[in-house]
C-alpha atoms as a PDB file:
ATOM      1  CA  MET A   1       0.000   0.000   0.000  1.00  0.00           C
ATOM      2  CA  ALA A   2       1.292   3.455  -0.899  1.00  0.00           C
ATOM      3  CA  THR A   3       1.536   6.492   1.318  1.00  0.00           C
ATOM      4  CA  VAL A   4       0.463   9.885   0.005  1.00  0.00           C
ATOM      5  CA  ASN A   5       0.950  13.323   1.480  1.00  0.00           C
ATOM      6  CA  PHE A   6      -1.435  16.199   0.711  1.00  0.00           C
ATOM      7  CA  SER A   7      -1.650  19.680   2.124  1.00  0.00           C
ATOM      8  CA  VAL A   8      -5.154  20.799   2.999  1.00  0.00           C
ATOM      9  CA  PRO A   9      -6.480  23.882   4.760  1.00  0.00           C
ATOM     10  CA  ASP A  10      -6.513  23.535   8.539  1.00  0.00           C
ATOM     11  CA  GLU A  11     -10.295  23.946   8.717  1.00  0.00           C
ATOM     12  CA  VAL A  12     -10.774  21.050   6.280  1.00  0.00           C
ATOM     13  CA  LYS A  13      -8.475  18.820   8.321  1.00  0.00           C
ATOM     14  CA  GLU A  14     -10.233  19.758  11.557  1.00  0.00           C
ATOM     15  CA  ALA A  15     -13.702  19.182  10.087  1.00  0.00           C
ATOM     16  CA  PHE A  16     -12.622  15.851   8.598  1.00  0.00           C
ATOM     17  CA  ASN A  17     -11.092  14.667  11.862  1.00  0.00           C
ATOM     18  CA  ALA A  18     -14.150  15.761  13.844  1.00  0.00           C
ATOM     19  CA  THR A  19     -16.584  14.171  11.419  1.00  0.00           C
ATOM     20  CA  PHE A  20     -14.707  10.886  11.126  1.00  0.00           C
ATOM     21  CA  ALA A  21     -13.232  10.714  14.625  1.00  0.00           C
ATOM     22  CA  ASP A  22     -14.089   7.045  15.157  1.00  0.00           C
ATOM     23  CA  ALA A  23     -13.602   5.893  11.569  1.00  0.00           C
ATOM     24  CA  ASN A  24     -10.740   4.470   9.548  1.00  0.00           C
ATOM     25  CA  LYS A  25      -9.608   7.710   7.934  1.00  0.00           C
ATOM     26  CA  SER A  26      -7.286   5.966   5.483  1.00  0.00           C
ATOM     27  CA  ALA A  27     -10.174   3.881   4.172  1.00  0.00           C
ATOM     28  CA  ILE A  28     -12.352   6.976   3.843  1.00  0.00           C
ATOM     29  CA  ILE A  29      -9.666   8.884   1.937  1.00  0.00           C
ATOM     30  CA  ALA A  30      -9.061   5.868  -0.322  1.00  0.00           C
ATOM     31  CA  ALA A  31     -12.792   5.616  -1.082  1.00  0.00           C
ATOM     32  CA  LEU A  32     -12.984   9.346  -1.817  1.00  0.00           C
ATOM     33  CA  MET A  33      -9.990   9.087  -4.137  1.00  0.00           C
ATOM     34  CA  ARG A  34     -11.594   6.142  -5.971  1.00  0.00           C
ATOM     35  CA  GLU A  35     -14.797   8.150  -6.383  1.00  0.00           C
ATOM     36  CA  ALA A  36     -12.852  11.143  -7.687  1.00  0.00           C
ATOM     37  CA  VAL A  37     -11.008   8.960 -10.208  1.00  0.00           C
ATOM     38  CA  GLU A  38     -14.260   7.353 -11.402  1.00  0.00           C
ATOM     39  CA  ARG A  39     -15.981  10.737 -11.662  1.00  0.00           C
ATOM     40  CA  GLU A  40     -13.109  12.182 -13.702  1.00  0.00           C
ATOM     41  CA  GLN A  41     -12.970   9.139 -15.979  1.00  0.00           C
ATOM     42  CA  GLN A  42     -16.719   9.404 -16.590  1.00  0.00           C
ATOM     43  CA  ARG A  43     -16.393  13.131 -17.284  1.00  0.00           C
ATOM     44  CA  ARG A  44     -13.649  12.483 -19.823  1.00  0.00           C
ATOM     45  CA  GLU A  45     -15.605   9.673 -21.488  1.00  0.00           C
ATOM     46  CA  SER A  46     -18.671  11.899 -21.674  1.00  0.00           C
ATOM     47  CA  ARG A  47     -16.708  14.732 -23.256  1.00  0.00           C
ATOM     48  CA  ALA A  48     -15.137  12.352 -25.764  1.00  0.00           C
ATOM     49  CA  ALA A  49     -18.555  10.936 -26.678  1.00  0.00           C
ATOM     50  CA  SER A  50     -19.940  14.436 -27.076  1.00  0.00           C
ATOM     51  CA  ALA A  51     -17.013  15.381 -29.313  1.00  0.00           C
ATOM     52  CA  ARG A  52     -17.616  12.290 -31.474  1.00  0.00           C
ATOM     53  CA  ILE A  53     -21.299  13.175 -31.832  1.00  0.00           C
ATOM     54  CA  ARG A  54     -20.482  16.762 -32.785  1.00  0.00           C
ATOM     55  CA  ALA A  55     -17.922  15.554 -35.336  1.00  0.00           C
ATOM     56  CA  ARG A  56     -20.464  13.204 -36.926  1.00  0.00           C
ATOM     57  CA  ARG A  57     -23.058  15.958 -37.064  1.00  0.00           C
ATOM     58  CA  ARG A  58     -20.660  18.182 -39.013  1.00  0.00           C
ATOM     59  CA  HIS A  59     -20.587  15.546 -41.757  1.00  0.00           C
ATOM     60  CA  ALA A  60     -24.243  14.524 -41.589  1.00  0.00           C
ATOM     61  CA  PRO A  61     -26.377  15.354 -44.598  1.00  0.00           C
ATOM     62  CA  VAL A  62     -28.676  18.340 -44.224  1.00  0.00           C
ATOM     63  CA  ARG A  63     -32.347  17.450 -44.576  1.00  0.00           C
ATOM     64  CA  SER A  64     -35.277  19.777 -45.094  1.00  0.00           C
ATOM     65  CA  VAL A  65     -38.275  19.902 -42.795  1.00  0.00           C
ATOM     66  CA  GLU A  66     -40.313  18.275 -45.549  1.00  0.00           C
ATOM     67  CA  GLU A  67     -37.844  15.406 -45.922  1.00  0.00           C
ATOM     68  CA  LEU A  68     -37.820  14.815 -42.180  1.00  0.00           C
ATOM     69  CA  GLY A  69     -41.617  14.871 -42.044  1.00  0.00           C
ATOM     70  CA  ALA A  70     -41.849  12.389 -44.914  1.00  0.00           C
ATOM     71  CA  ALA A  71     -39.341  10.088 -43.220  1.00  0.00           C
ATOM     72  CA  ARG A  72     -41.358  10.227 -39.993  1.00  0.00           C
ATOM     73  CA  GLU A  73     -44.546   9.357 -41.817  1.00  0.00           C
ATOM     74  CA  GLN A  74     -42.838   6.535 -43.664  1.00  0.00           C
ATOM     75  CA  GLY A  75     -41.509   5.180 -40.373  1.00  0.00           C
ATOM     76  CA  ARG A  76     -45.008   5.150 -38.900  1.00  0.00           C
ATOM     77  CA  SER A  77     -46.396   3.019 -41.728  1.00  0.00           C
END
C-alpha cells in the first residue's frame, strides 16, 4: 500500500477529523480518491462521446423539414 501526502487547509483537516473521529480515515480517503477517479474518468468519457457526436453531425447530410416529415410518416407506416 502506498503512502500519500497532501496539504489541505486547517479547517478542512479539523472538520474531517471531527466528522470521522471514530472511523478508519485511510479507508475513507481511499474511497474518496476512488470516487474522484471514477468521476473524472466518466467526465472524460462523456466529453469524448460528445465530441464524437459533434464531429459526426458536421458531416451529416442536411435534410429539409419536408424530408424529415416524410421520413417520420414513412416510419409510422
